[in-house]
């Protein structure tokens, strides 16, 4: 684990969640403690953490020993159609 953070969300009854940010091979890059009111709120906060860095691929949200969600970054593929560059070398004599 590289980094451990605590994210508190205020208002109402808080429940302790844990968010693990993972790379493409499911290695843990970061762990965050989340204090949220609902499972949905914890998942939404995990999605925000997931979008924090393009290297992050997945985020898992846990409440004690129960996995609440596994989120995957949506990868957008942008294809740029480039025209080939034709260069003339020398001149025909």
N, C-alpha and C. Protein backbone atom coordinates (compact mmCIF):
# COMPACT_ATOMS: atom_id res chain seq x y z
N UNK A 1 0.82 -1.17 0.00
CA UNK A 1 0.00 0.00 0.00
C UNK A 1 0.87 1.24 0.00
N UNK A 2 0.61 2.16 -0.90
CA UNK A 2 1.41 3.36 -0.99
C UNK A 2 0.89 4.48 -0.11
N UNK A 3 -0.43 4.58 0.02
CA UNK A 3 -0.99 5.75 0.67
C UNK A 3 -2.25 5.34 1.42
N UNK A 4 -2.43 5.88 2.61
CA UNK A 4 -3.63 5.63 3.39
C UNK A 4 -4.20 6.99 3.77
N UNK A 5 -5.43 7.22 3.39
CA UNK A 5 -6.09 8.49 3.65
C UNK A 5 -7.41 8.25 4.36
N UNK A 6 -7.89 9.28 5.02
CA UNK A 6 -9.19 9.23 5.70
C UNK A 6 -10.06 10.33 5.10
N UNK A 7 -11.20 9.96 4.58
CA UNK A 7 -12.13 10.92 4.00
C UNK A 7 -13.39 10.90 4.84
N UNK A 8 -13.71 12.03 5.45
CA UNK A 8 -14.91 12.12 6.29
C UNK A 8 -15.99 12.90 5.56
N UNK A 9 -17.19 12.40 5.60
CA UNK A 9 -18.34 13.07 5.02
C UNK A 9 -19.29 13.36 6.16
N UNK A 10 -19.57 14.63 6.40
CA UNK A 10 -20.31 15.03 7.59
C UNK A 10 -21.81 15.12 7.33
N UNK A 11 -22.60 14.88 8.39
CA UNK A 11 -24.06 14.98 8.32
C UNK A 11 -24.69 13.60 8.43
N UNK A 12 -25.48 13.37 9.47
CA UNK A 12 -26.17 12.09 9.63
C UNK A 12 -25.27 11.05 10.27
N UNK A 13 -25.79 9.82 10.34
CA UNK A 13 -25.05 8.71 10.95
C UNK A 13 -24.00 8.22 9.99
N UNK A 14 -22.76 8.13 10.45
CA UNK A 14 -21.66 7.70 9.60
C UNK A 14 -21.35 6.23 9.81
N UNK A 15 -21.00 5.59 8.73
CA UNK A 15 -20.62 4.18 8.76
C UNK A 15 -19.23 4.09 8.16
N UNK A 16 -18.37 3.27 8.74
CA UNK A 16 -17.01 3.13 8.25
C UNK A 16 -16.92 2.22 7.03
N UNK A 17 -16.36 2.74 5.98
CA UNK A 17 -16.10 2.00 4.75
C UNK A 17 -14.62 2.10 4.45
N UNK A 18 -14.16 1.23 3.59
CA UNK A 18 -12.77 1.25 3.15
C UNK A 18 -12.78 1.18 1.62
N UNK A 19 -12.05 2.07 0.99
CA UNK A 19 -11.94 2.09 -0.47
C UNK A 19 -10.51 1.75 -0.85
N UNK A 20 -10.36 0.75 -1.70
CA UNK A 20 -9.06 0.38 -2.23
C UNK A 20 -9.00 0.78 -3.69
N UNK A 21 -8.01 1.59 -4.05
CA UNK A 21 -7.79 1.98 -5.44
C UNK A 21 -6.76 1.02 -6.00
N UNK A 22 -7.09 0.41 -7.16
CA UNK A 22 -6.28 -0.67 -7.74
C UNK A 22 -5.78 -0.30 -9.12
N UNK A 23 -4.68 -0.94 -9.52
CA UNK A 23 -4.20 -0.78 -10.89
C UNK A 23 -4.86 -1.83 -11.77
N UNK A 24 -4.42 -1.92 -13.02
CA UNK A 24 -5.02 -2.84 -13.98
C UNK A 24 -4.84 -4.31 -13.61
N UNK A 25 -3.86 -4.60 -12.75
CA UNK A 25 -3.59 -5.98 -12.33
C UNK A 25 -4.11 -6.26 -10.93
N UNK A 26 -5.02 -5.42 -10.45
CA UNK A 26 -5.64 -5.54 -9.13
C UNK A 26 -4.67 -5.40 -7.96
N UNK A 27 -3.57 -4.69 -8.17
CA UNK A 27 -2.66 -4.38 -7.07
C UNK A 27 -3.16 -3.11 -6.37
N UNK A 28 -3.12 -3.10 -5.06
CA UNK A 28 -3.59 -1.95 -4.30
C UNK A 28 -2.59 -0.81 -4.43
N UNK A 29 -3.09 0.34 -4.89
CA UNK A 29 -2.26 1.53 -5.01
C UNK A 29 -2.48 2.47 -3.83
N UNK A 30 -3.73 2.54 -3.36
CA UNK A 30 -4.08 3.41 -2.24
C UNK A 30 -5.21 2.78 -1.46
N UNK A 31 -5.31 3.17 -0.20
CA UNK A 31 -6.43 2.75 0.65
C UNK A 31 -6.97 4.00 1.33
N UNK A 32 -8.29 4.13 1.37
CA UNK A 32 -8.94 5.29 1.95
C UNK A 32 -10.03 4.84 2.93
N UNK A 33 -10.06 5.44 4.10
CA UNK A 33 -11.18 5.24 5.03
C UNK A 33 -12.27 6.24 4.66
N UNK A 34 -13.48 5.75 4.48
CA UNK A 34 -14.61 6.60 4.12
C UNK A 34 -15.66 6.55 5.21
N UNK A 35 -16.10 7.69 5.68
CA UNK A 35 -17.22 7.77 6.62
C UNK A 35 -18.41 8.30 5.85
N UNK A 36 -19.35 7.43 5.51
CA UNK A 36 -20.50 7.79 4.68
C UNK A 36 -21.78 7.29 5.33
N UNK A 37 -22.90 7.85 4.88
CA UNK A 37 -24.21 7.47 5.42
C UNK A 37 -24.76 6.20 4.79
N UNK A 38 -24.47 5.97 3.49
CA UNK A 38 -25.05 4.84 2.78
C UNK A 38 -23.99 4.15 1.90
N UNK A 39 -24.32 2.94 1.47
CA UNK A 39 -23.45 2.22 0.53
C UNK A 39 -23.30 3.00 -0.77
N UNK A 40 -24.39 3.58 -1.24
CA UNK A 40 -24.39 4.33 -2.49
C UNK A 40 -23.48 5.56 -2.39
N UNK A 41 -23.53 6.22 -1.25
CA UNK A 41 -22.69 7.40 -1.05
C UNK A 41 -21.21 7.00 -1.03
N UNK A 42 -20.90 5.89 -0.40
CA UNK A 42 -19.52 5.40 -0.36
C UNK A 42 -19.04 5.05 -1.77
N UNK A 43 -19.90 4.41 -2.57
CA UNK A 43 -19.54 4.06 -3.95
C UNK A 43 -19.32 5.31 -4.79
N UNK A 44 -20.15 6.33 -4.58
CA UNK A 44 -20.00 7.59 -5.33
C UNK A 44 -18.69 8.27 -4.97
N UNK A 45 -18.33 8.25 -3.70
CA UNK A 45 -17.07 8.85 -3.27
C UNK A 45 -15.88 8.06 -3.82
N UNK A 46 -16.01 6.76 -3.87
CA UNK A 46 -14.96 5.91 -4.44
C UNK A 46 -14.77 6.21 -5.92
N UNK A 47 -15.86 6.48 -6.62
CA UNK A 47 -15.77 6.82 -8.04
C UNK A 47 -14.99 8.12 -8.23
N UNK A 48 -15.20 9.08 -7.34
CA UNK A 48 -14.44 10.32 -7.38
C UNK A 48 -12.95 10.06 -7.18
N UNK A 49 -12.63 9.20 -6.23
CA UNK A 49 -11.22 8.84 -5.99
C UNK A 49 -10.64 8.12 -7.20
N UNK A 50 -11.41 7.25 -7.82
CA UNK A 50 -10.97 6.49 -8.99
C UNK A 50 -10.62 7.42 -10.14
N UNK A 51 -11.39 8.48 -10.31
CA UNK A 51 -11.16 9.40 -11.41
C UNK A 51 -10.04 10.40 -11.13
N UNK A 52 -9.39 10.26 -9.97
CA UNK A 52 -8.34 11.19 -9.59
C UNK A 52 -7.02 11.02 -10.31
N UNK A 53 -6.81 9.90 -10.96
CA UNK A 53 -5.53 9.65 -11.61
C UNK A 53 -5.76 8.67 -12.76
N UNK A 54 -5.21 8.94 -13.94
CA UNK A 54 -5.44 8.04 -15.08
C UNK A 54 -4.82 6.65 -14.91
N UNK A 55 -3.88 6.51 -13.95
CA UNK A 55 -3.25 5.21 -13.70
C UNK A 55 -4.17 4.27 -12.93
N UNK A 56 -5.13 4.83 -12.20
CA UNK A 56 -6.07 4.02 -11.43
C UNK A 56 -7.02 3.32 -12.39
N UNK A 57 -7.28 2.03 -12.15
CA UNK A 57 -8.14 1.26 -13.04
C UNK A 57 -9.41 0.80 -12.34
N UNK A 58 -9.30 0.39 -11.07
CA UNK A 58 -10.44 -0.11 -10.33
C UNK A 58 -10.48 0.52 -8.94
N UNK A 59 -11.66 0.49 -8.33
CA UNK A 59 -11.81 0.85 -6.92
C UNK A 59 -12.78 -0.14 -6.30
N UNK A 60 -12.43 -0.65 -5.15
CA UNK A 60 -13.32 -1.54 -4.40
C UNK A 60 -13.72 -0.84 -3.11
N UNK A 61 -15.00 -0.95 -2.78
CA UNK A 61 -15.52 -0.38 -1.53
C UNK A 61 -15.92 -1.53 -0.63
N UNK A 62 -15.40 -1.50 0.61
CA UNK A 62 -15.66 -2.55 1.59
C UNK A 62 -16.27 -1.95 2.84
N UNK A 63 -17.19 -2.68 3.43
CA UNK A 63 -17.77 -2.37 4.74
C UNK A 63 -17.48 -3.60 5.60
N UNK A 64 -16.48 -3.48 6.46
CA UNK A 64 -15.98 -4.62 7.24
C UNK A 64 -15.51 -5.70 6.26
N UNK A 65 -16.12 -6.89 6.29
CA UNK A 65 -15.68 -7.98 5.42
C UNK A 65 -16.57 -8.14 4.19
N UNK A 66 -17.47 -7.21 3.96
CA UNK A 66 -18.40 -7.29 2.83
C UNK A 66 -18.03 -6.28 1.75
N UNK A 67 -17.78 -6.78 0.53
CA UNK A 67 -17.49 -5.86 -0.58
C UNK A 67 -18.80 -5.26 -1.06
N UNK A 68 -18.85 -3.94 -1.05
CA UNK A 68 -20.05 -3.20 -1.47
C UNK A 68 -20.08 -3.03 -2.98
N UNK A 69 -18.92 -2.67 -3.54
CA UNK A 69 -18.87 -2.39 -4.98
C UNK A 69 -17.46 -2.55 -5.50
N UNK A 70 -17.36 -2.88 -6.79
CA UNK A 70 -16.09 -2.81 -7.51
C UNK A 70 -16.36 -1.95 -8.74
N UNK A 71 -15.66 -0.83 -8.81
CA UNK A 71 -15.85 0.12 -9.89
C UNK A 71 -14.68 0.02 -10.86
N UNK A 72 -14.97 0.20 -12.13
CA UNK A 72 -13.94 0.17 -13.15
C UNK A 72 -13.95 1.48 -13.90
N UNK A 73 -12.76 2.03 -14.12
CA UNK A 73 -12.64 3.26 -14.90
C UNK A 73 -13.07 2.95 -16.32
N UNK A 74 -13.87 3.83 -16.85
CA UNK A 74 -14.28 3.69 -18.25
C UNK A 74 -13.18 4.27 -19.12
N UNK A 75 -12.62 3.43 -19.96
CA UNK A 75 -11.53 3.87 -20.82
C UNK A 75 -12.10 4.38 -22.13
N UNK A 76 -11.70 5.56 -22.51
CA UNK A 76 -12.15 6.09 -23.79
C UNK A 76 -10.97 6.00 -24.76
N UNK A 77 -11.25 5.42 -25.88
CA UNK A 77 -10.22 5.26 -26.90
C UNK A 77 -10.42 6.34 -27.94
N UNK A 78 -9.41 7.13 -28.10
CA UNK A 78 -9.48 8.19 -29.10
C UNK A 78 -8.52 7.82 -30.23
N UNK A 79 -9.08 7.70 -31.39
CA UNK A 79 -8.27 7.35 -32.54
C UNK A 79 -8.09 8.61 -33.37
N UNK A 80 -6.88 8.96 -33.62
CA UNK A 80 -6.57 10.11 -34.46
C UNK A 80 -6.11 9.58 -35.81
N UNK A 81 -6.83 9.96 -36.82
CA UNK A 81 -6.45 9.53 -38.16
C UNK A 81 -5.47 10.56 -38.71
N UNK A 82 -4.26 10.18 -38.80
CA UNK A 82 -3.23 11.08 -39.30
C UNK A 82 -2.95 10.76 -40.76
N UNK A 83 -2.76 11.82 -41.54
CA UNK A 83 -2.39 11.62 -42.93
C UNK A 83 -0.91 11.28 -43.00
N UNK A 84 -0.56 10.37 -43.86
CA UNK A 84 0.86 10.06 -44.00
C UNK A 84 1.61 11.26 -44.57
N UNK A 85 2.81 11.45 -44.12
CA UNK A 85 3.64 12.53 -44.64
C UNK A 85 4.52 11.95 -45.73
N UNK A 86 4.42 12.54 -46.91
CA UNK A 86 5.23 12.07 -48.04
C UNK A 86 6.29 13.14 -48.30
N UNK A 87 7.51 12.73 -48.22
CA UNK A 87 8.62 13.65 -48.45
C UNK A 87 9.36 13.22 -49.71
N UNK A 88 9.68 14.20 -50.46
CA UNK A 88 10.42 13.96 -51.69
C UNK A 88 11.90 14.08 -51.38
N UNK A 89 12.68 13.07 -51.69
CA UNK A 89 14.11 13.10 -51.44
C UNK A 89 14.81 13.30 -52.77
N UNK A 90 15.51 14.43 -52.86
CA UNK A 90 16.24 14.74 -54.09
C UNK A 90 15.28 15.10 -55.21
N UNK A 91 15.78 15.39 -56.35
CA UNK A 91 14.94 15.71 -57.49
C UNK A 91 15.35 14.82 -58.66
N UNK A 92 14.35 14.51 -59.46
CA UNK A 92 14.63 13.65 -60.62
C UNK A 92 15.38 14.47 -61.67
N UNK A 93 16.45 13.95 -62.19
CA UNK A 93 17.24 14.72 -63.16
C UNK A 93 17.01 14.21 -64.54
